[in-house]
Amino acid sequence: MAHAAGCFQLWPRWDVRVCCACITCEQGDRERAVGLPVSPLMDRSKQGISRSQVGFFDIVALPFYTSLAQRFPGCRPMLEAVLENYAVWKAQEQQHRSS
């Protein structure tokens, strides 16, 4: 969760770690195999990395950091960093969709 507010240049390292934790463990595949709905961001047939990152920001990071900054104003710089990183991922997702 903390990496959402970190320097964007560190994202590739975290992406690999997060994707490995989720996809290598085949969570979505296992959910599908037992008839459960596949969890958001765990469906390997639907997600690209930029799309999953945009989803992570929409579902987890933005609500968390927005609430944090509202309650603790000193955390506002973290929210600003999250918003900057979100904008980069959103632009990459839009570029991916148009290509």
PDB file of N, CA and C in Angstrom:
ATOM      1  N   MET A   1       0.811  -1.188   0.000  1.00  0.00           N
ATOM      2  CA  MET A   1       0.000   0.000   0.000  1.00  0.00           C
ATOM      3  C   MET A   1       0.863   1.264   0.000  1.00  0.00           C
ATOM      4  N   ALA A   2       1.960   1.235   0.739  1.00  0.00           N
ATOM      5  CA  ALA A   2       2.809   2.419   0.825  1.00  0.00           C
ATOM      6  C   ALA A   2       3.435   2.777  -0.517  1.00  0.00           C
ATOM      7  N   HIS A   3       3.647   1.783  -1.372  1.00  0.00           N
ATOM      8  CA  HIS A   3       4.291   2.088  -2.650  1.00  0.00           C
ATOM      9  C   HIS A   3       3.440   2.985  -3.536  1.00  0.00           C
ATOM     10  N   ALA A   4       2.142   3.077  -3.272  1.00  0.00           N
ATOM     11  CA  ALA A   4       1.274   3.954  -4.068  1.00  0.00           C
ATOM     12  C   ALA A   4       1.685   5.414  -3.939  1.00  0.00           C
ATOM     13  N   ALA A   5       2.285   5.768  -2.812  1.00  0.00           N
ATOM     14  CA  ALA A   5       2.718   7.147  -2.591  1.00  0.00           C
ATOM     15  C   ALA A   5       4.207   7.333  -2.858  1.00  0.00           C
ATOM     16  N   GLY A   6       4.868   6.296  -3.321  1.00  0.00           N
ATOM     17  CA  GLY A   6       6.303   6.365  -3.555  1.00  0.00           C
ATOM     18  C   GLY A   6       6.655   6.918  -4.912  1.00  0.00           C
ATOM     19  N   CYS A   7       7.922   7.043  -5.120  1.00  0.00           N
ATOM     20  CA  CYS A   7       8.465   7.533  -6.381  1.00  0.00           C
ATOM     21  C   CYS A   7       8.058   6.590  -7.522  1.00  0.00           C
ATOM     22  N   PHE A   8       7.560   7.159  -8.602  1.00  0.00           N
ATOM     23  CA  PHE A   8       7.055   6.325  -9.697  1.00  0.00           C
ATOM     24  C   PHE A   8       8.122   5.406 -10.284  1.00  0.00           C
ATOM     25  N   GLN A   9       9.381   5.816 -10.231  1.00  0.00           N
ATOM     26  CA  GLN A   9      10.453   4.992 -10.787  1.00  0.00           C
ATOM     27  C   GLN A   9      10.594   3.658 -10.053  1.00  0.00           C
ATOM     28  N   LEU A  10      10.077   3.551  -8.853  1.00  0.00           N
ATOM     29  CA  LEU A  10      10.136   2.291  -8.101  1.00  0.00           C
ATOM     30  C   LEU A  10       9.009   1.327  -8.461  1.00  0.00           C
ATOM     31  N   TRP A  11       8.017   1.796  -9.197  1.00  0.00           N
ATOM     32  CA  TRP A  11       6.849   0.964  -9.496  1.00  0.00           C
ATOM     33  C   TRP A  11       7.177  -0.336 -10.213  1.00  0.00           C
ATOM     34  N   PRO A  12       8.065  -0.341 -11.197  1.00  0.00           N
ATOM     35  CA  PRO A  12       8.307  -1.630 -11.869  1.00  0.00           C
ATOM     36  C   PRO A  12       8.718  -2.742 -10.911  1.00  0.00           C
ATOM     37  N   ARG A  13       9.532  -2.440  -9.924  1.00  0.00           N
ATOM     38  CA  ARG A  13       9.932  -3.455  -8.940  1.00  0.00           C
ATOM     39  C   ARG A  13       8.720  -3.961  -8.166  1.00  0.00           C
ATOM     40  N   TRP A  14       7.857  -3.049  -7.731  1.00  0.00           N
ATOM     41  CA  TRP A  14       6.689  -3.438  -6.954  1.00  0.00           C
ATOM     42  C   TRP A  14       5.668  -4.163  -7.813  1.00  0.00           C
ATOM     43  N   ASP A  15       5.518  -3.739  -9.061  1.00  0.00           N
ATOM     44  CA  ASP A  15       4.561  -4.415  -9.946  1.00  0.00           C
ATOM     45  C   ASP A  15       4.880  -5.889 -10.053  1.00  0.00           C
ATOM     46  N   VAL A  16       6.150  -6.199 -10.253  1.00  0.00           N
ATOM     47  CA  VAL A  16       6.560  -7.595 -10.376  1.00  0.00           C
ATOM     48  C   VAL A  16       6.239  -8.345  -9.102  1.00  0.00           C
ATOM     49  N   ARG A  17       6.538  -7.758  -7.967  1.00  0.00           N
ATOM     50  CA  ARG A  17       6.280  -8.423  -6.686  1.00  0.00           C
ATOM     51  C   ARG A  17       4.790  -8.627  -6.450  1.00  0.00           C
ATOM     52  N   VAL A  18       4.001  -7.599  -6.696  1.00  0.00           N
ATOM     53  CA  VAL A  18       2.557  -7.708  -6.475  1.00  0.00           C
ATOM     54  C   VAL A  18       1.942  -8.696  -7.449  1.00  0.00           C
ATOM     55  N   CYS A  19       2.306  -8.599  -8.711  1.00  0.00           N
ATOM     56  CA  CYS A  19       1.743  -9.527  -9.700  1.00  0.00           C
ATOM     57  C   CYS A  19       2.153 -10.957  -9.402  1.00  0.00           C
ATOM     58  N   CYS A  20       3.371 -11.149  -8.992  1.00  0.00           N
ATOM     59  CA  CYS A  20       3.805 -12.500  -8.641  1.00  0.00           C
ATOM     60  C   CYS A  20       3.012 -13.023  -7.464  1.00  0.00           C
ATOM     61  N   ALA A  21       2.758 -12.187  -6.480  1.00  0.00           N
ATOM     62  CA  ALA A  21       2.006 -12.621  -5.310  1.00  0.00           C
ATOM     63  C   ALA A  21       0.583 -12.991  -5.688  1.00  0.00           C
ATOM     64  N   CYS A  22       0.023 -12.294  -6.654  1.00  0.00           N
ATOM     65  CA  CYS A  22      -1.370 -12.535  -7.019  1.00  0.00           C
ATOM     66  C   CYS A  22      -1.516 -13.571  -8.123  1.00  0.00           C
ATOM     67  N   ILE A  23      -0.798 -13.385  -9.216  1.00  0.00           N
ATOM     68  CA  ILE A  23      -0.990 -14.243 -10.379  1.00  0.00           C
ATOM     69  C   ILE A  23      -0.244 -15.556 -10.251  1.00  0.00           C
ATOM     70  N   THR A  24       0.981 -15.531  -9.721  1.00  0.00           N
ATOM     71  CA  THR A  24       1.722 -16.774  -9.587  1.00  0.00           C
ATOM     72  C   THR A  24       0.981 -17.735  -8.678  1.00  0.00           C
ATOM     73  N   CYS A  25       0.338 -17.207  -7.671  1.00  0.00           N
ATOM     74  CA  CYS A  25      -0.444 -18.046  -6.766  1.00  0.00           C
ATOM     75  C   CYS A  25      -1.755 -18.489  -7.425  1.00  0.00           C
ATOM     76  N   GLU A  26      -2.024 -17.928  -8.570  1.00  0.00           N
ATOM     77  CA  GLU A  26      -3.194 -18.309  -9.365  1.00  0.00           C
ATOM     78  C   GLU A  26      -4.503 -18.142  -8.611  1.00  0.00           C
ATOM     79  N   GLN A  27      -4.595 -17.065  -7.834  1.00  0.00           N
ATOM     80  CA  GLN A  27      -5.807 -16.833  -7.062  1.00  0.00           C
ATOM     81  C   GLN A  27      -7.046 -16.796  -7.941  1.00  0.00           C
ATOM     82  N   GLY A  28      -6.997 -16.000  -8.997  1.00  0.00           N
ATOM     83  CA  GLY A  28      -8.160 -15.915  -9.880  1.00  0.00           C
ATOM     84  C   GLY A  28      -8.505 -17.246 -10.516  1.00  0.00           C
ATOM     85  N   ASP A  29      -7.480 -17.997 -10.913  1.00  0.00           N
ATOM     86  CA  ASP A  29      -7.718 -19.313 -11.506  1.00  0.00           C
ATOM     87  C   ASP A  29      -8.381 -20.248 -10.506  1.00  0.00           C
ATOM     88  N   ARG A  30      -7.921 -20.197  -9.277  1.00  0.00           N
ATOM     89  CA  ARG A  30      -8.496 -21.059  -8.238  1.00  0.00           C
ATOM     90  C   ARG A  30      -9.925 -20.665  -7.930  1.00  0.00           C
ATOM     91  N   GLU A  31     -10.186 -19.369  -7.887  1.00  0.00           N
ATOM     92  CA  GLU A  31     -11.561 -18.912  -7.650  1.00  0.00           C
ATOM     93  C   GLU A  31     -12.482 -19.404  -8.764  1.00  0.00           C
ATOM     94  N   ARG A  32     -12.030 -19.254  -9.991  1.00  0.00           N
ATOM     95  CA  ARG A  32     -12.827 -19.692 -11.135  1.00  0.00           C
ATOM     96  C   ARG A  32     -13.061 -21.208 -11.081  1.00  0.00           C
ATOM     97  N   ALA A  33     -12.029 -21.958 -10.710  1.00  0.00           N
ATOM     98  CA  ALA A  33     -12.119 -23.425 -10.679  1.00  0.00           C
ATOM     99  C   ALA A  33     -13.152 -23.934  -9.683  1.00  0.00           C
ATOM    100  N   VAL A  34     -13.346 -23.206  -8.589  1.00  0.00           N
ATOM    101  CA  VAL A  34     -14.324 -23.656  -7.591  1.00  0.00           C
ATOM    102  C   VAL A  34     -15.663 -22.939  -7.724  1.00  0.00           C
ATOM    103  N   GLY A  35     -15.829 -22.191  -8.826  1.00  0.00           N
ATOM    104  CA  GLY A  35     -17.113 -21.560  -9.109  1.00  0.00           C
ATOM    105  C   GLY A  35     -17.354 -20.234  -8.416  1.00  0.00           C
ATOM    106  N   LEU A  36     -16.307 -19.637  -7.862  1.00  0.00           N
ATOM    107  CA  LEU A  36     -16.450 -18.331  -7.222  1.00  0.00           C
ATOM    108  C   LEU A  36     -16.230 -17.227  -8.252  1.00  0.00           C
ATOM    109  N   PRO A  37     -16.814 -16.050  -8.009  1.00  0.00           N
ATOM    110  CA  PRO A  37     -16.487 -14.927  -8.890  1.00  0.00           C
ATOM    111  C   PRO A  37     -15.010 -14.575  -8.714  1.00  0.00           C
ATOM    112  N   VAL A  38     -14.368 -14.236  -9.798  1.00  0.00           N
ATOM    113  CA  VAL A  38     -12.949 -13.894  -9.749  1.00  0.00           C
ATOM    114  C   VAL A  38     -12.812 -12.502  -9.143  1.00  0.00           C
ATOM    115  N   SER A  39     -11.932 -12.395  -8.157  1.00  0.00           N
ATOM    116  CA  SER A  39     -11.711 -11.128  -7.457  1.00  0.00           C
ATOM    117  C   SER A  39     -11.210 -10.057  -8.419  1.00  0.00           C
ATOM    118  N   PRO A  40     -11.560  -8.794  -8.138  1.00  0.00           N
ATOM    119  CA  PRO A  40     -11.037  -7.707  -8.961  1.00  0.00           C
ATOM    120  C   PRO A  40      -9.513  -7.751  -9.005  1.00  0.00           C
ATOM    121  N   LEU A  41      -8.977  -7.476 -10.154  1.00  0.00           N
ATOM    122  CA  LEU A  41      -7.536  -7.408 -10.398  1.00  0.00           C
ATOM    123  C   LEU A  41      -6.853  -8.771 -10.403  1.00  0.00           C
ATOM    124  N   MET A  42      -7.604  -9.874 -10.294  1.00  0.00           N
ATOM    125  CA  MET A  42      -7.005 -11.201 -10.251  1.00  0.00           C
ATOM    126  C   MET A  42      -7.326 -12.037 -11.487  1.00  0.00           C
ATOM    127  N   ASP A  43      -8.022 -11.461 -12.446  1.00  0.00           N
ATOM    128  CA  ASP A  43      -8.406 -12.196 -13.649  1.00  0.00           C
ATOM    129  C   ASP A  43      -7.363 -11.984 -14.723  1.00  0.00           C
ATOM    130  N   ARG A  44      -6.505 -12.973 -14.891  1.00  0.00           N
ATOM    131  CA  ARG A  44      -5.398 -12.834 -15.839  1.00  0.00           C
ATOM    132  C   ARG A  44      -5.871 -12.653 -17.275  1.00  0.00           C
ATOM    133  N   SER A  45      -7.105 -13.038 -17.582  1.00  0.00           N
ATOM    134  CA  SER A  45      -7.594 -12.898 -18.953  1.00  0.00           C
ATOM    135  C   SER A  45      -8.092 -11.493 -19.260  1.00  0.00           C
ATOM    136  N   LYS A  46      -8.250 -10.640 -18.252  1.00  0.00           N
ATOM    137  CA  LYS A  46      -8.812  -9.314 -18.481  1.00  0.00           C
ATOM    138  C   LYS A  46      -7.867  -8.164 -18.171  1.00  0.00           C
ATOM    139  N   GLN A  47      -6.879  -8.364 -17.357  1.00  0.00           N
ATOM    140  CA  GLN A  47      -6.093  -7.247 -16.851  1.00  0.00           C
ATOM    141  C   GLN A  47      -4.737  -7.122 -17.516  1.00  0.00           C
ATOM    142  N   GLY A  48      -4.390  -5.911 -17.874  1.00  0.00           N
ATOM    143  CA  GLY A  48      -3.022  -5.559 -18.194  1.00  0.00           C
ATOM    144  C   GLY A  48      -2.474  -4.863 -16.957  1.00  0.00           C
ATOM    145  N   ILE A  49      -1.176  -4.674 -16.885  1.00  0.00           N
ATOM    146  CA  ILE A  49      -0.603  -4.092 -15.675  1.00  0.00           C
ATOM    147  C   ILE A  49      -1.101  -2.672 -15.452  1.00  0.00           C
ATOM    148  N   SER A  50      -1.216  -1.863 -16.503  1.00  0.00           N
ATOM    149  CA  SER A  50      -1.696  -0.496 -16.292  1.00  0.00           C
ATOM    150  C   SER A  50      -3.151  -0.502 -15.863  1.00  0.00           C
ATOM    151  N   ARG A  51      -3.941  -1.393 -16.421  1.00  0.00           N
ATOM    152  CA  ARG A  51      -5.352  -1.469 -16.032  1.00  0.00           C
ATOM    153  C   ARG A  51      -5.490  -1.933 -14.584  1.00  0.00           C
ATOM    154  N   SER A  52      -4.694  -2.910 -14.186  1.00  0.00           N
ATOM    155  CA  SER A  52      -4.781  -3.369 -12.803  1.00  0.00           C
ATOM    156  C   SER A  52      -4.311  -2.282 -11.835  1.00  0.00           C
ATOM    157  N   GLN A  53      -3.333  -1.484 -12.237  1.00  0.00           N
ATOM    158  CA  GLN A  53      -2.873  -0.409 -11.370  1.00  0.00           C
ATOM    159  C   GLN A  53      -3.940   0.674 -11.240  1.00  0.00           C
ATOM    160  N   VAL A  54      -4.596   1.012 -12.333  1.00  0.00           N
ATOM    161  CA  VAL A  54      -5.682   1.989 -12.267  1.00  0.00           C
ATOM    162  C   VAL A  54      -6.783   1.456 -11.347  1.00  0.00           C
ATOM    163  N   GLY A  55      -7.094   0.181 -11.474  1.00  0.00           N
ATOM    164  CA  GLY A  55      -8.093  -0.429 -10.592  1.00  0.00           C
ATOM    165  C   GLY A  55      -7.672  -0.388  -9.135  1.00  0.00           C
ATOM    166  N   PHE A  56      -6.399  -0.686  -8.870  1.00  0.00           N
ATOM    167  CA  PHE A  56      -5.881  -0.624  -7.501  1.00  0.00           C
ATOM    168  C   PHE A  56      -6.047   0.778  -6.930  1.00  0.00           C
ATOM    169  N   PHE A  57      -5.706   1.785  -7.730  1.00  0.00           N
ATOM    170  CA  PHE A  57      -5.860   3.155  -7.257  1.00  0.00           C
ATOM    171  C   PHE A  57      -7.326   3.487  -7.016  1.00  0.00           C
ATOM    172  N   ASP A  58      -8.200   3.113  -7.956  1.00  0.00           N
ATOM    173  CA  ASP A  58      -9.626   3.418  -7.820  1.00  0.00           C
ATOM    174  C   ASP A  58     -10.248   2.753  -6.597  1.00  0.00           C
ATOM    175  N   ILE A  59      -9.904   1.497  -6.382  1.00  0.00           N
ATOM    176  CA  ILE A  59     -10.560   0.700  -5.345  1.00  0.00           C
ATOM    177  C   ILE A  59      -9.897   0.844  -3.976  1.00  0.00           C
ATOM    178  N   VAL A  60      -8.574   0.960  -3.944  1.00  0.00           N
ATOM    179  CA  VAL A  60      -7.846   0.897  -2.671  1.00  0.00           C
ATOM    180  C   VAL A  60      -7.112   2.195  -2.343  1.00  0.00           C
ATOM    181  N   ALA A  61      -6.161   2.565  -3.184  1.00  0.00           N
ATOM    182  CA  ALA A  61      -5.226   3.634  -2.819  1.00  0.00           C
ATOM    183  C   ALA A  61      -5.886   5.009  -2.679  1.00  0.00           C
ATOM    184  N   LEU A  62      -6.676   5.418  -3.667  1.00  0.00           N
ATOM    185  CA  LEU A  62      -7.273   6.756  -3.594  1.00  0.00           C
ATOM    186  C   LEU A  62      -8.215   6.915  -2.404  1.00  0.00           C
ATOM    187  N   PRO A  63      -9.142   5.977  -2.171  1.00  0.00           N
ATOM    188  CA  PRO A  63      -9.988   6.138  -0.980  1.00  0.00           C
ATOM    189  C   PRO A  63      -9.182   6.167   0.323  1.00  0.00           C
ATOM    190  N   PHE A  64      -8.176   5.304   0.414  1.00  0.00           N
ATOM    191  CA  PHE A  64      -7.365   5.254   1.632  1.00  0.00           C
ATOM    192  C   PHE A  64      -6.619   6.558   1.857  1.00  0.00           C
ATOM    193  N   TYR A  65      -5.860   7.004   0.856  1.00  0.00           N
ATOM    194  CA  TYR A  65      -5.037   8.197   1.040  1.00  0.00           C
ATOM    195  C   TYR A  65      -5.880   9.471   1.135  1.00  0.00           C
ATOM    196  N   THR A  66      -7.036   9.503   0.492  1.00  0.00           N
ATOM    197  CA  THR A  66      -7.932  10.648   0.635  1.00  0.00           C
ATOM    198  C   THR A  66      -8.421  10.750   2.076  1.00  0.00           C
ATOM    199  N   SER A  67      -8.863   9.633   2.630  1.00  0.00           N
ATOM    200  CA  SER A  67      -9.318   9.622   4.026  1.00  0.00           C
ATOM    201  C   SER A  67      -8.188   9.971   4.978  1.00  0.00           C
ATOM    202  N   LEU A  68      -7.016   9.414   4.719  1.00  0.00           N
ATOM    203  CA  LEU A  68      -5.855   9.683   5.570  1.00  0.00           C
ATOM    204  C   LEU A  68      -5.523  11.175   5.586  1.00  0.00           C
ATOM    205  N   ALA A  69      -5.501  11.794   4.412  1.00  0.00           N
ATOM    206  CA  ALA A  69      -5.168  13.221   4.318  1.00  0.00           C
ATOM    207  C   ALA A  69      -6.249  14.096   4.945  1.00  0.00           C
ATOM    208  N   GLN A  70      -7.496  13.641   4.870  1.00  0.00           N
ATOM    209  CA  GLN A  70      -8.569  14.410   5.511  1.00  0.00           C
ATOM    210  C   GLN A  70      -8.437  14.377   7.029  1.00  0.00           C
ATOM    211  N   ARG A  71      -8.094  13.235   7.548  1.00  0.00           N
ATOM    212  CA  ARG A  71      -7.979  13.075   9.011  1.00  0.00           C
ATOM    213  C   ARG A  71      -6.662  13.633   9.540  1.00  0.00           C
ATOM    214  N   PHE A  72      -5.605  13.463   8.765  1.00  0.00           N
ATOM    215  CA  PHE A  72      -4.272  13.903   9.170  1.00  0.00           C
ATOM    216  C   PHE A  72      -3.698  14.799   8.069  1.00  0.00           C
ATOM    217  N   PRO A  73      -3.937  16.097   8.138  1.00  0.00           N
ATOM    218  CA  PRO A  73      -3.498  17.009   7.082  1.00  0.00           C
ATOM    219  C   PRO A  73      -2.010  16.934   6.749  1.00  0.00           C
ATOM    220  N   GLY A  74      -1.184  16.523   7.671  1.00  0.00           N
ATOM    221  CA  GLY A  74       0.244  16.381   7.394  1.00  0.00           C
ATOM    222  C   GLY A  74       0.540  15.295   6.376  1.00  0.00           C
ATOM    223  N   CYS A  75      -0.441  14.445   6.098  1.00  0.00           N
ATOM    224  CA  CYS A  75      -0.279  13.369   5.108  1.00  0.00           C
ATOM    225  C   CYS A  75      -0.653  13.822   3.699  1.00  0.00           C
ATOM    226  N   ARG A  76      -1.013  15.069   3.553  1.00  0.00           N
ATOM    227  CA  ARG A  76      -1.401  15.594   2.239  1.00  0.00           C
ATOM    228  C   ARG A  76      -0.336  15.360   1.159  1.00  0.00           C
ATOM    229  N   PRO A  77       0.963  15.504   1.454  1.00  0.00           N
ATOM    230  CA  PRO A  77       1.964  15.223   0.420  1.00  0.00           C
ATOM    231  C   PRO A  77       1.903  13.779  -0.094  1.00  0.00           C
ATOM    232  N   MET A  78       1.535  12.847   0.754  1.00  0.00           N
ATOM    233  CA  MET A  78       1.400  11.460   0.287  1.00  0.00           C
ATOM    234  C   MET A  78       0.234  11.349  -0.690  1.00  0.00           C
ATOM    235  N   LEU A  79      -0.891  12.002  -0.363  1.00  0.00           N
ATOM    236  CA  LEU A  79      -2.033  11.983  -1.278  1.00  0.00           C
ATOM    237  C   LEU A  79      -1.653  12.618  -2.615  1.00  0.00           C
ATOM    238  N   GLU A  80      -0.915  13.695  -2.586  1.00  0.00           N
ATOM    239  CA  GLU A  80      -0.491  14.349  -3.825  1.00  0.00           C
ATOM    240  C   GLU A  80       0.390  13.420  -4.660  1.00  0.00           C
ATOM    241  N   ALA A  81       1.276  12.678  -4.003  1.00  0.00           N
ATOM    242  CA  ALA A  81       2.119  11.717  -4.724  1.00  0.00           C
ATOM    243  C   ALA A  81       1.264  10.601  -5.324  1.00  0.00           C
ATOM    244  N   VAL A  82       0.272  10.150  -4.575  1.00  0.00           N
ATOM    245  CA  VAL A  82      -0.632   9.116  -5.087  1.00  0.00           C
ATOM    246  C   VAL A  82      -1.372   9.635  -6.313  1.00  0.00           C
ATOM    247  N   LEU A  83      -1.859  10.857  -6.250  1.00  0.00           N
ATOM    248  CA  LEU A  83      -2.568  11.439  -7.391  1.00  0.00           C
ATOM    249  C   LEU A  83      -1.665  11.574  -8.613  1.00  0.00           C
ATOM    250  N   GLU A  84      -0.393  11.930  -8.394  1.00  0.00           N
ATOM    251  CA  GLU A  84       0.550  12.015  -9.514  1.00  0.00           C
ATOM    252  C   GLU A  84       0.789  10.642 -10.126  1.00  0.00           C
ATOM    253  N   ASN A  85       0.996   9.635  -9.295  1.00  0.00           N
ATOM    254  CA  ASN A  85       1.213   8.274  -9.801  1.00  0.00           C
ATOM    255  C   ASN A  85      -0.025   7.747 -10.515  1.00  0.00           C
ATOM    256  N   TYR A  86      -1.181   8.045  -9.965  1.00  0.00           N
ATOM    257  CA  TYR A  86      -2.446   7.638 -10.592  1.00  0.00           C
ATOM    258  C   TYR A  86      -2.571   8.241 -11.991  1.00  0.00           C
ATOM    259  N   ALA A  87      -2.216   9.503 -12.121  1.00  0.00           N
ATOM    260  CA  ALA A  87      -2.296  10.167 -13.427  1.00  0.00           C
ATOM    261  C   ALA A  87      -1.387   9.481 -14.445  1.00  0.00           C
ATOM    262  N   VAL A  88      -0.205   9.057 -14.015  1.00  0.00           N
ATOM    263  CA  VAL A  88       0.713   8.353 -14.920  1.00  0.00           C
ATOM    264  C   VAL A  88       0.101   7.024 -15.358  1.00  0.00           C
ATOM    265  N   TRP A  89      -0.410   6.238 -14.405  1.00  0.00           N
ATOM    266  CA  TRP A  89      -1.010   4.948 -14.758  1.00  0.00           C
ATOM    267  C   TRP A  89      -2.238   5.131 -15.641  1.00  0.00           C
ATOM    268  N   LYS A  90      -3.047   6.147 -15.340  1.00  0.00           N
ATOM    269  CA  LYS A  90      -4.246   6.409 -16.133  1.00  0.00           C
ATOM    270  C   LYS A  90      -3.852   6.746 -17.573  1.00  0.00           C
ATOM    271  N   ALA A  91      -2.823   7.560 -17.747  1.00  0.00           N
ATOM    272  CA  ALA A  91      -2.350   7.911 -19.092  1.00  0.00           C
ATOM    273  C   ALA A  91      -1.823   6.676 -19.821  1.00  0.00           C
ATOM    274  N   GLN A  92      -1.094   5.807 -19.113  1.00  0.00           N
ATOM    275  CA  GLN A  92      -0.593   4.592 -19.749  1.00  0.00           C
ATOM    276  C   GLN A  92      -1.725   3.664 -20.158  1.00  0.00           C
ATOM    277  N   GLU A  93      -2.751   3.589 -19.331  1.00  0.00           N
ATOM    278  CA  GLU A  93      -3.910   2.749 -19.659  1.00  0.00           C
ATOM    279  C   GLU A  93      -4.633   3.299 -20.886  1.00  0.00           C
ATOM    280  N   GLN A  94      -4.813   4.604 -20.957  1.00  0.00           N
ATOM    281  CA  GLN A  94      -5.470   5.214 -22.114  1.00  0.00           C
ATOM    282  C   GLN A  94      -4.644   4.998 -23.376  1.00  0.00           C
ATOM    283  N   GLN A  95      -3.329   5.100 -23.250  1.00  0.00           N
ATOM    284  CA  GLN A  95      -2.447   4.853 -24.393  1.00  0.00           C
ATOM    285  C   GLN A  95      -2.539   3.382 -24.831  1.00  0.00           C
ATOM    286  N   HIS A  96      -2.591   2.478 -23.856  1.00  0.00           N
ATOM    287  CA  HIS A  96      -2.700   1.045 -24.158  1.00  0.00           C
ATOM    288  C   HIS A  96      -4.017   0.748 -24.885  1.00  0.00           C
ATOM    289  N   ARG A  97      -5.085   1.375 -24.443  1.00  0.00           N
ATOM    290  CA  ARG A  97      -6.399   1.155 -25.086  1.00  0.00           C
ATOM    291  C   ARG A  97      -6.431   1.666 -26.517  1.00  0.00           C
ATOM    292  N   SER A  98      -5.718   2.766 -26.775  1.00  0.00           N
ATOM    293  CA  SER A  98      -5.764   3.353 -28.110  1.00  0.00           C
ATOM    294  C   SER A  98      -4.803   2.677 -29.093  1.00  0.00           C
ATOM    295  N   SER A  99      -3.917   1.800 -28.585  1.00  0.00           N
ATOM    296  CA  SER A  99      -2.971   1.150 -29.501  1.00  0.00           C
ATOM    297  C   SER A  99      -3.420  -0.237 -29.878  1.00  0.00           C
TER     298      SER A  99
END
